[in-house]
Amino acid sequence: MLIPLLLHVAPFIKNAVATGCLLVLVSLLWSIGKTLMRGQTTLQRLHQIPCYRCIFFTGDYRLKCTVHPHKALSEEAIGCLDYESAVRLSSTYRRSCTNGTAKRKAVL
């Protein structure tokens, strides 16, 4: 009596198992996609931290920033009011040094 019932229910069980496996696979792929999107958002946010381009950034792990050492290289530093571009300052400094050297040579 049990065997005919199992033979009759077996195709439905196979379909249920296949559907369950498909749902698990779709759920896994959705979770991976969501994690990748969240990681991309986090990376975009972290790339907005300007510390490594700042004139006050030391690069030393003991004192990362001379103005705000507790905020350096964290998300709190994104809107830092004391940020000064090291690239802009160094190019301005190079121009002033070059002009000063040229004037001194002309005077000598």
C-alpha atoms as a PDB file:
ATOM      1  CA  MET A   1       0.000   0.000   0.000  1.00  0.00           C
ATOM      2  CA  LEU A   2       2.865   2.387   0.744  1.00  0.00           C
ATOM      3  CA  ILE A   3       4.839   1.524  -2.387  1.00  0.00           C
ATOM      4  CA  PRO A   4       2.118   2.550  -4.872  1.00  0.00           C
ATOM      5  CA  LEU A   5       1.704   5.805  -2.968  1.00  0.00           C
ATOM      6  CA  LEU A   6       5.458   6.523  -3.137  1.00  0.00           C
ATOM      7  CA  LEU A   7       5.506   5.747  -6.869  1.00  0.00           C
ATOM      8  CA  HIS A   8       2.656   8.163  -7.371  1.00  0.00           C
ATOM      9  CA  VAL A   9       4.262  10.957  -5.246  1.00  0.00           C
ATOM     10  CA  ALA A  10       7.867  10.504  -6.504  1.00  0.00           C
ATOM     11  CA  PRO A  11       7.575  12.839  -9.550  1.00  0.00           C
ATOM     12  CA  PHE A  12       6.203  15.612  -7.334  1.00  0.00           C
ATOM     13  CA  ILE A  13       9.048  15.153  -4.862  1.00  0.00           C
ATOM     14  CA  LYS A  14      11.593  15.386  -7.695  1.00  0.00           C
ATOM     15  CA  ASN A  15       9.985  18.618  -8.895  1.00  0.00           C
ATOM     16  CA  ALA A  16       9.928  20.019  -5.364  1.00  0.00           C
ATOM     17  CA  VAL A  17      13.615  19.214  -4.860  1.00  0.00           C
ATOM     18  CA  ALA A  18      14.525  20.744  -8.225  1.00  0.00           C
ATOM     19  CA  THR A  19      12.503  23.870  -7.423  1.00  0.00           C
ATOM     20  CA  GLY A  20      14.141  24.099  -3.996  1.00  0.00           C
ATOM     21  CA  CYS A  21      17.617  23.815  -5.517  1.00  0.00           C
ATOM     22  CA  LEU A  22      16.738  26.493  -8.063  1.00  0.00           C
ATOM     23  CA  LEU A  23      15.491  28.821  -5.315  1.00  0.00           C
ATOM     24  CA  VAL A  24      18.669  28.301  -3.296  1.00  0.00           C
ATOM     25  CA  LEU A  25      20.808  29.030  -6.366  1.00  0.00           C
ATOM     26  CA  VAL A  26      18.861  32.196  -7.216  1.00  0.00           C
ATOM     27  CA  SER A  27      19.065  33.321  -3.587  1.00  0.00           C
ATOM     28  CA  LEU A  28      22.832  32.736  -3.563  1.00  0.00           C
ATOM     29  CA  LEU A  29      23.352  34.705  -6.778  1.00  0.00           C
ATOM     30  CA  TRP A  30      21.154  37.546  -5.502  1.00  0.00           C
ATOM     31  CA  SER A  31      23.122  37.662  -2.247  1.00  0.00           C
ATOM     32  CA  ILE A  32      26.447  37.764  -4.103  1.00  0.00           C
ATOM     33  CA  GLY A  33      25.185  40.576  -6.341  1.00  0.00           C
ATOM     34  CA  LYS A  34      23.925  42.571  -3.364  1.00  0.00           C
ATOM     35  CA  THR A  35      27.256  42.128  -1.556  1.00  0.00           C
ATOM     36  CA  LEU A  36      29.194  43.294  -4.612  1.00  0.00           C
ATOM     37  CA  MET A  37      26.983  46.382  -4.938  1.00  0.00           C
ATOM     38  CA  ARG A  38      27.472  47.188  -1.248  1.00  0.00           C
ATOM     39  CA  GLY A  39      31.234  46.731  -1.623  1.00  0.00           C
ATOM     40  CA  GLN A  40      31.321  49.063  -4.616  1.00  0.00           C
ATOM     41  CA  THR A  41      29.401  51.722  -2.678  1.00  0.00           C
ATOM     42  CA  THR A  42      31.800  51.396   0.254  1.00  0.00           C
ATOM     43  CA  LEU A  43      34.849  51.669  -2.014  1.00  0.00           C
ATOM     44  CA  GLN A  44      33.453  54.774  -3.704  1.00  0.00           C
ATOM     45  CA  ARG A  45      32.916  56.335  -0.268  1.00  0.00           C
ATOM     46  CA  LEU A  46      36.419  55.430   0.923  1.00  0.00           C
ATOM     47  CA  HIS A  47      38.007  56.868  -2.225  1.00  0.00           C
ATOM     48  CA  GLN A  48      36.589  60.260  -1.228  1.00  0.00           C
ATOM     49  CA  ILE A  49      38.935  60.435   1.774  1.00  0.00           C
ATOM     50  CA  PRO A  50      41.424  63.174   0.794  1.00  0.00           C
ATOM     51  CA  CYS A  51      44.111  62.581   3.433  1.00  0.00           C
ATOM     52  CA  TYR A  52      46.832  61.119   1.242  1.00  0.00           C
ATOM     53  CA  ARG A  53      46.679  64.212  -1.022  1.00  0.00           C
ATOM     54  CA  CYS A  54      46.829  66.696   1.886  1.00  0.00           C
ATOM     55  CA  ILE A  55      49.865  68.756   2.849  1.00  0.00           C
ATOM     56  CA  PHE A  56      49.324  67.868   6.541  1.00  0.00           C
ATOM     57  CA  PHE A  57      49.394  64.104   5.896  1.00  0.00           C
ATOM     58  CA  THR A  58      52.670  62.677   7.201  1.00  0.00           C
ATOM     59  CA  GLY A  59      52.426  59.075   5.988  1.00  0.00           C
ATOM     60  CA  ASP A  60      53.724  57.879   9.360  1.00  0.00           C
ATOM     61  CA  TYR A  61      51.491  55.381  11.160  1.00  0.00           C
ATOM     62  CA  ARG A  62      52.130  57.044  14.526  1.00  0.00           C
ATOM     63  CA  LEU A  63      50.962  60.523  13.465  1.00  0.00           C
ATOM     64  CA  LYS A  64      49.024  60.393  10.226  1.00  0.00           C
ATOM     65  CA  CYS A  65      47.869  64.017  10.251  1.00  0.00           C
ATOM     66  CA  THR A  66      49.360  66.946  12.137  1.00  0.00           C
ATOM     67  CA  VAL A  67      46.062  68.852  12.343  1.00  0.00           C
ATOM     68  CA  HIS A  68      43.460  66.104  12.980  1.00  0.00           C
ATOM     69  CA  PRO A  69      45.247  62.892  13.959  1.00  0.00           C
ATOM     70  CA  HIS A  70      42.052  61.222  15.229  1.00  0.00           C
ATOM     71  CA  LYS A  71      40.195  61.827  11.936  1.00  0.00           C
ATOM     72  CA  ALA A  72      43.005  60.950   9.530  1.00  0.00           C
ATOM     73  CA  LEU A  73      42.272  58.220   6.983  1.00  0.00           C
ATOM     74  CA  SER A  74      38.716  57.724   8.272  1.00  0.00           C
ATOM     75  CA  GLU A  75      35.310  58.655   6.896  1.00  0.00           C
ATOM     76  CA  GLU A  76      35.273  61.655   9.254  1.00  0.00           C
ATOM     77  CA  ALA A  77      37.995  63.245   7.107  1.00  0.00           C
ATOM     78  CA  ILE A  78      35.839  63.452   3.973  1.00  0.00           C
ATOM     79  CA  GLY A  79      34.658  67.009   4.693  1.00  0.00           C
ATOM     80  CA  CYS A  80      37.845  68.213   6.408  1.00  0.00           C
ATOM     81  CA  LEU A  81      37.930  72.009   6.535  1.00  0.00           C
ATOM     82  CA  ASP A  82      41.721  72.111   6.963  1.00  0.00           C
ATOM     83  CA  TYR A  83      42.448  70.148   3.781  1.00  0.00           C
ATOM     84  CA  GLU A  84      45.196  71.698   1.666  1.00  0.00           C
ATOM     85  CA  SER A  85      46.165  70.003  -1.553  1.00  0.00           C
ATOM     86  CA  ALA A  86      49.792  68.914  -1.486  1.00  0.00           C
ATOM     87  CA  VAL A  87      49.876  68.784  -5.291  1.00  0.00           C
ATOM     88  CA  ARG A  88      48.674  72.373  -5.694  1.00  0.00           C
ATOM     89  CA  LEU A  89      51.004  73.665  -2.989  1.00  0.00           C
ATOM     90  CA  SER A  90      54.035  71.832  -4.318  1.00  0.00           C
ATOM     91  CA  SER A  91      53.457  73.040  -7.893  1.00  0.00           C
ATOM     92  CA  THR A  92      53.035  76.629  -6.625  1.00  0.00           C
ATOM     93  CA  TYR A  93      56.187  76.236  -4.529  1.00  0.00           C
ATOM     94  CA  ARG A  94      58.106  74.862  -7.510  1.00  0.00           C
ATOM     95  CA  ARG A  95      57.025  77.796  -9.685  1.00  0.00           C
ATOM     96  CA  SER A  96      58.049  80.345  -7.057  1.00  0.00           C
ATOM     97  CA  CYS A  97      61.405  78.630  -6.533  1.00  0.00           C
ATOM     98  CA  THR A  98      62.022  78.432 -10.258  1.00  0.00           C
ATOM     99  CA  ASN A  99      61.183  82.101 -10.733  1.00  0.00           C
ATOM    100  CA  GLY A 100      63.328  83.095  -7.768  1.00  0.00           C
ATOM    101  CA  THR A 101      66.281  81.079  -9.059  1.00  0.00           C
ATOM    102  CA  ALA A 102      65.940  82.575 -12.515  1.00  0.00           C
ATOM    103  CA  LYS A 103      65.904  86.098 -11.041  1.00  0.00           C
ATOM    104  CA  ARG A 104      68.953  85.390  -8.903  1.00  0.00           C
ATOM    105  CA  LYS A 105      70.885  84.111 -11.885  1.00  0.00           C
ATOM    106  CA  ALA A 106      69.896  87.151 -13.903  1.00  0.00           C
ATOM    107  CA  VAL A 107      71.019  89.457 -11.105  1.00  0.00           C
ATOM    108  CA  LEU A 108      74.380  87.736 -10.689  1.00  0.00           C
END
